[in-house]
Amino acid sequence: MLSRPLDRSWLTPPLVAFLLGILLSPHGLGWLNPSAWGNVYTLLEETARLTLGISLMGIALRLPRSSYCCAACRSSRHYGPGCHR
């Protein structure tokens, strides 16, 4: 519904998300106010963990399956009895 007009415009999806975040922030319309939800630093830490976990999982899913075996063999040579091929 919104993707076709967005594809034709000069706005990119990250820019739209950024502008929407500014609009909804406490400095914009004030609809989202994280300081009212509790400890801001704990909220920031947990959000950062979730974001990092999602991005690492996305990277891991793009790696070819053969790279897991090679990495395991290299690691086992350093930490264990080694890999026998």
N, C-alpha and C. Protein backbone atom coordinates (compact mmCIF):
# COMPACT_ATOMS: atom_id res chain seq x y z
N MET A 1 0.82 -1.17 0.00
CA MET A 1 0.00 0.00 0.00
C MET A 1 0.87 1.26 0.00
N LEU A 2 1.87 1.30 0.87
CA LEU A 2 2.75 2.46 0.92
C LEU A 2 4.06 2.25 0.17
N SER A 3 4.34 1.02 -0.23
CA SER A 3 5.64 0.76 -0.84
C SER A 3 5.74 1.35 -2.25
N ARG A 4 4.67 1.34 -3.00
CA ARG A 4 4.73 1.88 -4.37
C ARG A 4 4.99 3.39 -4.39
N PRO A 5 4.25 4.20 -3.60
CA PRO A 5 4.59 5.63 -3.58
C PRO A 5 5.97 5.89 -3.00
N LEU A 6 6.40 5.07 -2.05
CA LEU A 6 7.73 5.25 -1.46
C LEU A 6 8.82 4.92 -2.47
N ASP A 7 8.59 3.93 -3.33
CA ASP A 7 9.57 3.58 -4.36
C ASP A 7 9.73 4.70 -5.39
N ARG A 8 8.66 5.43 -5.66
CA ARG A 8 8.72 6.50 -6.65
C ARG A 8 9.32 7.79 -6.09
N SER A 9 9.32 7.97 -4.78
CA SER A 9 9.80 9.22 -4.19
C SER A 9 11.30 9.15 -3.90
N TRP A 10 11.86 10.27 -3.51
CA TRP A 10 13.28 10.34 -3.17
C TRP A 10 13.53 9.88 -1.73
N LEU A 11 12.46 9.63 -0.98
CA LEU A 11 12.60 9.16 0.40
C LEU A 11 12.95 7.67 0.43
N THR A 12 13.92 7.32 1.24
CA THR A 12 14.27 5.92 1.42
C THR A 12 13.60 5.41 2.70
N PRO A 13 13.40 4.10 2.82
CA PRO A 13 12.77 3.57 4.04
C PRO A 13 13.52 3.93 5.34
N PRO A 14 14.87 3.90 5.37
CA PRO A 14 15.53 4.32 6.61
C PRO A 14 15.27 5.79 6.96
N LEU A 15 15.20 6.65 5.93
CA LEU A 15 14.92 8.06 6.19
C LEU A 15 13.49 8.25 6.70
N VAL A 16 12.55 7.50 6.16
CA VAL A 16 11.16 7.57 6.64
C VAL A 16 11.09 7.10 8.09
N ALA A 17 11.80 6.02 8.43
CA ALA A 17 11.80 5.52 9.81
C ALA A 17 12.43 6.54 10.75
N PHE A 18 13.50 7.19 10.30
CA PHE A 18 14.16 8.22 11.10
C PHE A 18 13.22 9.39 11.37
N LEU A 19 12.57 9.87 10.32
CA LEU A 19 11.65 10.99 10.47
C LEU A 19 10.44 10.63 11.33
N LEU A 20 9.95 9.39 11.21
CA LEU A 20 8.85 8.93 12.04
C LEU A 20 9.28 8.84 13.51
N GLY A 21 10.51 8.40 13.74
CA GLY A 21 11.02 8.36 15.10
C GLY A 21 11.13 9.73 15.73
N ILE A 22 11.57 10.71 14.95
CA ILE A 22 11.66 12.08 15.46
C ILE A 22 10.26 12.63 15.74
N LEU A 23 9.32 12.33 14.85
CA LEU A 23 7.96 12.82 15.01
C LEU A 23 7.30 12.26 16.27
N LEU A 24 7.51 10.98 16.56
CA LEU A 24 6.87 10.34 17.71
C LEU A 24 7.63 10.51 19.01
N SER A 25 8.83 11.06 18.97
CA SER A 25 9.68 11.18 20.16
C SER A 25 9.12 12.21 21.15
N PRO A 26 9.69 12.26 22.36
CA PRO A 26 9.25 13.26 23.33
C PRO A 26 9.48 14.69 22.86
N HIS A 27 10.45 14.90 21.98
CA HIS A 27 10.70 16.24 21.46
C HIS A 27 9.78 16.59 20.29
N GLY A 28 9.16 15.58 19.69
CA GLY A 28 8.21 15.81 18.60
C GLY A 28 6.81 15.95 19.17
N LEU A 29 5.97 14.94 18.87
CA LEU A 29 4.60 14.95 19.37
C LEU A 29 4.48 14.45 20.81
N GLY A 30 5.51 13.76 21.28
CA GLY A 30 5.52 13.28 22.66
C GLY A 30 4.70 12.02 22.88
N TRP A 31 4.42 11.28 21.81
CA TRP A 31 3.63 10.06 21.96
C TRP A 31 4.43 8.94 22.61
N LEU A 32 5.71 8.84 22.31
CA LEU A 32 6.58 7.82 22.91
C LEU A 32 7.55 8.50 23.87
N ASN A 33 7.46 8.15 25.14
CA ASN A 33 8.32 8.75 26.15
C ASN A 33 8.98 7.63 26.96
N PRO A 34 10.16 7.15 26.55
CA PRO A 34 10.80 6.03 27.24
C PRO A 34 11.16 6.31 28.70
N SER A 35 11.37 7.57 29.08
CA SER A 35 11.72 7.85 30.46
C SER A 35 10.56 7.55 31.41
N ALA A 36 9.35 7.49 30.90
CA ALA A 36 8.19 7.15 31.73
C ALA A 36 8.03 5.64 31.89
N TRP A 37 8.78 4.85 31.15
CA TRP A 37 8.65 3.39 31.19
C TRP A 37 9.54 2.74 32.25
N GLY A 38 10.41 3.48 32.88
CA GLY A 38 11.31 2.92 33.88
C GLY A 38 12.71 3.45 33.68
N ASN A 39 13.69 2.65 34.09
CA ASN A 39 15.09 3.04 33.99
C ASN A 39 15.50 3.12 32.52
N VAL A 40 15.89 4.29 32.08
CA VAL A 40 16.22 4.52 30.67
C VAL A 40 17.45 3.72 30.26
N TYR A 41 18.44 3.60 31.14
CA TYR A 41 19.68 2.90 30.80
C TYR A 41 19.46 1.39 30.65
N THR A 42 18.61 0.82 31.49
CA THR A 42 18.27 -0.59 31.36
C THR A 42 17.50 -0.84 30.07
N LEU A 43 16.59 0.05 29.76
CA LEU A 43 15.83 -0.06 28.51
C LEU A 43 16.74 0.04 27.30
N LEU A 44 17.69 0.97 27.34
CA LEU A 44 18.64 1.13 26.24
C LEU A 44 19.54 -0.10 26.10
N GLU A 45 19.99 -0.65 27.23
CA GLU A 45 20.84 -1.83 27.20
C GLU A 45 20.11 -3.04 26.61
N GLU A 46 18.89 -3.27 27.04
CA GLU A 46 18.14 -4.42 26.53
C GLU A 46 17.76 -4.25 25.06
N THR A 47 17.46 -3.03 24.65
CA THR A 47 17.17 -2.77 23.24
C THR A 47 18.41 -3.00 22.39
N ALA A 48 19.57 -2.58 22.90
CA ALA A 48 20.82 -2.80 22.17
C ALA A 48 21.13 -4.30 22.06
N ARG A 49 20.88 -5.05 23.10
CA ARG A 49 21.09 -6.50 23.05
C ARG A 49 20.18 -7.17 22.03
N LEU A 50 18.93 -6.77 22.01
CA LEU A 50 17.98 -7.33 21.05
C LEU A 50 18.39 -6.99 19.62
N THR A 51 18.78 -5.74 19.38
CA THR A 51 19.19 -5.32 18.05
C THR A 51 20.44 -6.06 17.61
N LEU A 52 21.41 -6.22 18.49
CA LEU A 52 22.63 -6.95 18.17
C LEU A 52 22.34 -8.42 17.89
N GLY A 53 21.47 -9.01 18.68
CA GLY A 53 21.11 -10.42 18.46
C GLY A 53 20.43 -10.64 17.13
N ILE A 54 19.53 -9.75 16.76
CA ILE A 54 18.84 -9.88 15.47
C ILE A 54 19.82 -9.70 14.32
N SER A 55 20.73 -8.72 14.43
CA SER A 55 21.67 -8.50 13.33
C SER A 55 22.67 -9.64 13.21
N LEU A 56 23.14 -10.19 14.31
CA LEU A 56 24.06 -11.33 14.24
C LEU A 56 23.39 -12.57 13.68
N MET A 57 22.13 -12.78 14.03
CA MET A 57 21.40 -13.92 13.48
C MET A 57 21.20 -13.76 11.98
N GLY A 58 20.93 -12.54 11.53
CA GLY A 58 20.79 -12.28 10.11
C GLY A 58 22.08 -12.54 9.35
N ILE A 59 23.20 -12.17 9.94
CA ILE A 59 24.50 -12.43 9.31
C ILE A 59 24.79 -13.93 9.29
N ALA A 60 24.50 -14.61 10.39
CA ALA A 60 24.77 -16.04 10.46
C ALA A 60 23.93 -16.83 9.47
N LEU A 61 22.72 -16.39 9.21
CA LEU A 61 21.86 -17.10 8.27
C LEU A 61 22.30 -16.91 6.82
N ARG A 62 23.08 -15.87 6.54
CA ARG A 62 23.56 -15.63 5.18
C ARG A 62 24.86 -16.37 4.87
N LEU A 63 25.55 -16.85 5.89
CA LEU A 63 26.82 -17.54 5.66
C LEU A 63 26.58 -18.90 5.03
N PRO A 64 27.46 -19.32 4.13
CA PRO A 64 27.31 -20.67 3.56
C PRO A 64 27.62 -21.73 4.63
N ARG A 65 26.98 -22.86 4.50
CA ARG A 65 27.11 -23.92 5.50
C ARG A 65 28.56 -24.43 5.60
N SER A 66 29.32 -24.37 4.51
CA SER A 66 30.69 -24.87 4.54
C SER A 66 31.59 -24.01 5.42
N SER A 67 31.26 -22.75 5.61
CA SER A 67 32.11 -21.90 6.43
C SER A 67 32.06 -22.30 7.90
N TYR A 68 30.96 -22.92 8.35
CA TYR A 68 30.87 -23.37 9.73
C TYR A 68 31.89 -24.47 10.01
N CYS A 69 32.02 -25.40 9.08
CA CYS A 69 32.95 -26.50 9.27
C CYS A 69 34.38 -26.00 9.30
N CYS A 70 34.73 -25.13 8.39
CA CYS A 70 36.10 -24.61 8.34
C CYS A 70 36.44 -23.83 9.60
N ALA A 71 35.50 -23.02 10.07
CA ALA A 71 35.74 -22.25 11.29
C ALA A 71 35.87 -23.18 12.49
N ALA A 72 35.07 -24.24 12.53
CA ALA A 72 35.15 -25.20 13.64
C ALA A 72 36.49 -25.93 13.62
N CYS A 73 36.97 -26.26 12.44
CA CYS A 73 38.27 -26.94 12.35
C CYS A 73 39.40 -26.02 12.80
N ARG A 74 39.36 -24.77 12.37
CA ARG A 74 40.41 -23.83 12.78
C ARG A 74 40.39 -23.62 14.28
N SER A 75 39.20 -23.49 14.85
CA SER A 75 39.10 -23.28 16.30
C SER A 75 39.54 -24.51 17.07
N SER A 76 39.18 -25.69 16.57
CA SER A 76 39.53 -26.91 17.30
C SER A 76 41.04 -27.15 17.28
N ARG A 77 41.74 -26.68 16.27
CA ARG A 77 43.20 -26.80 16.27
C ARG A 77 43.83 -25.99 17.39
N HIS A 78 43.21 -24.85 17.69
CA HIS A 78 43.76 -24.00 18.75
C HIS A 78 43.34 -24.48 20.13
N TYR A 79 42.14 -24.98 20.26
CA TYR A 79 41.59 -25.28 21.58
C TYR A 79 41.43 -26.75 21.88
N GLY A 80 41.65 -27.61 20.93
CA GLY A 80 41.40 -29.02 21.17
C GLY A 80 42.35 -29.91 20.39
N PRO A 81 41.94 -31.16 20.19
CA PRO A 81 42.82 -32.12 19.51
C PRO A 81 42.97 -31.87 18.02
N GLY A 82 42.13 -31.07 17.42
CA GLY A 82 42.30 -30.76 16.00
C GLY A 82 41.22 -31.38 15.15
N CYS A 83 41.29 -31.09 13.88
CA CYS A 83 40.31 -31.58 12.91
C CYS A 83 41.02 -32.53 11.96
N HIS A 84 40.43 -33.68 11.74
CA HIS A 84 41.05 -34.66 10.86
C HIS A 84 40.28 -34.71 9.56
N ARG A 85 40.92 -34.34 8.46
CA ARG A 85 40.30 -34.42 7.15
C ARG A 85 41.05 -35.39 6.30
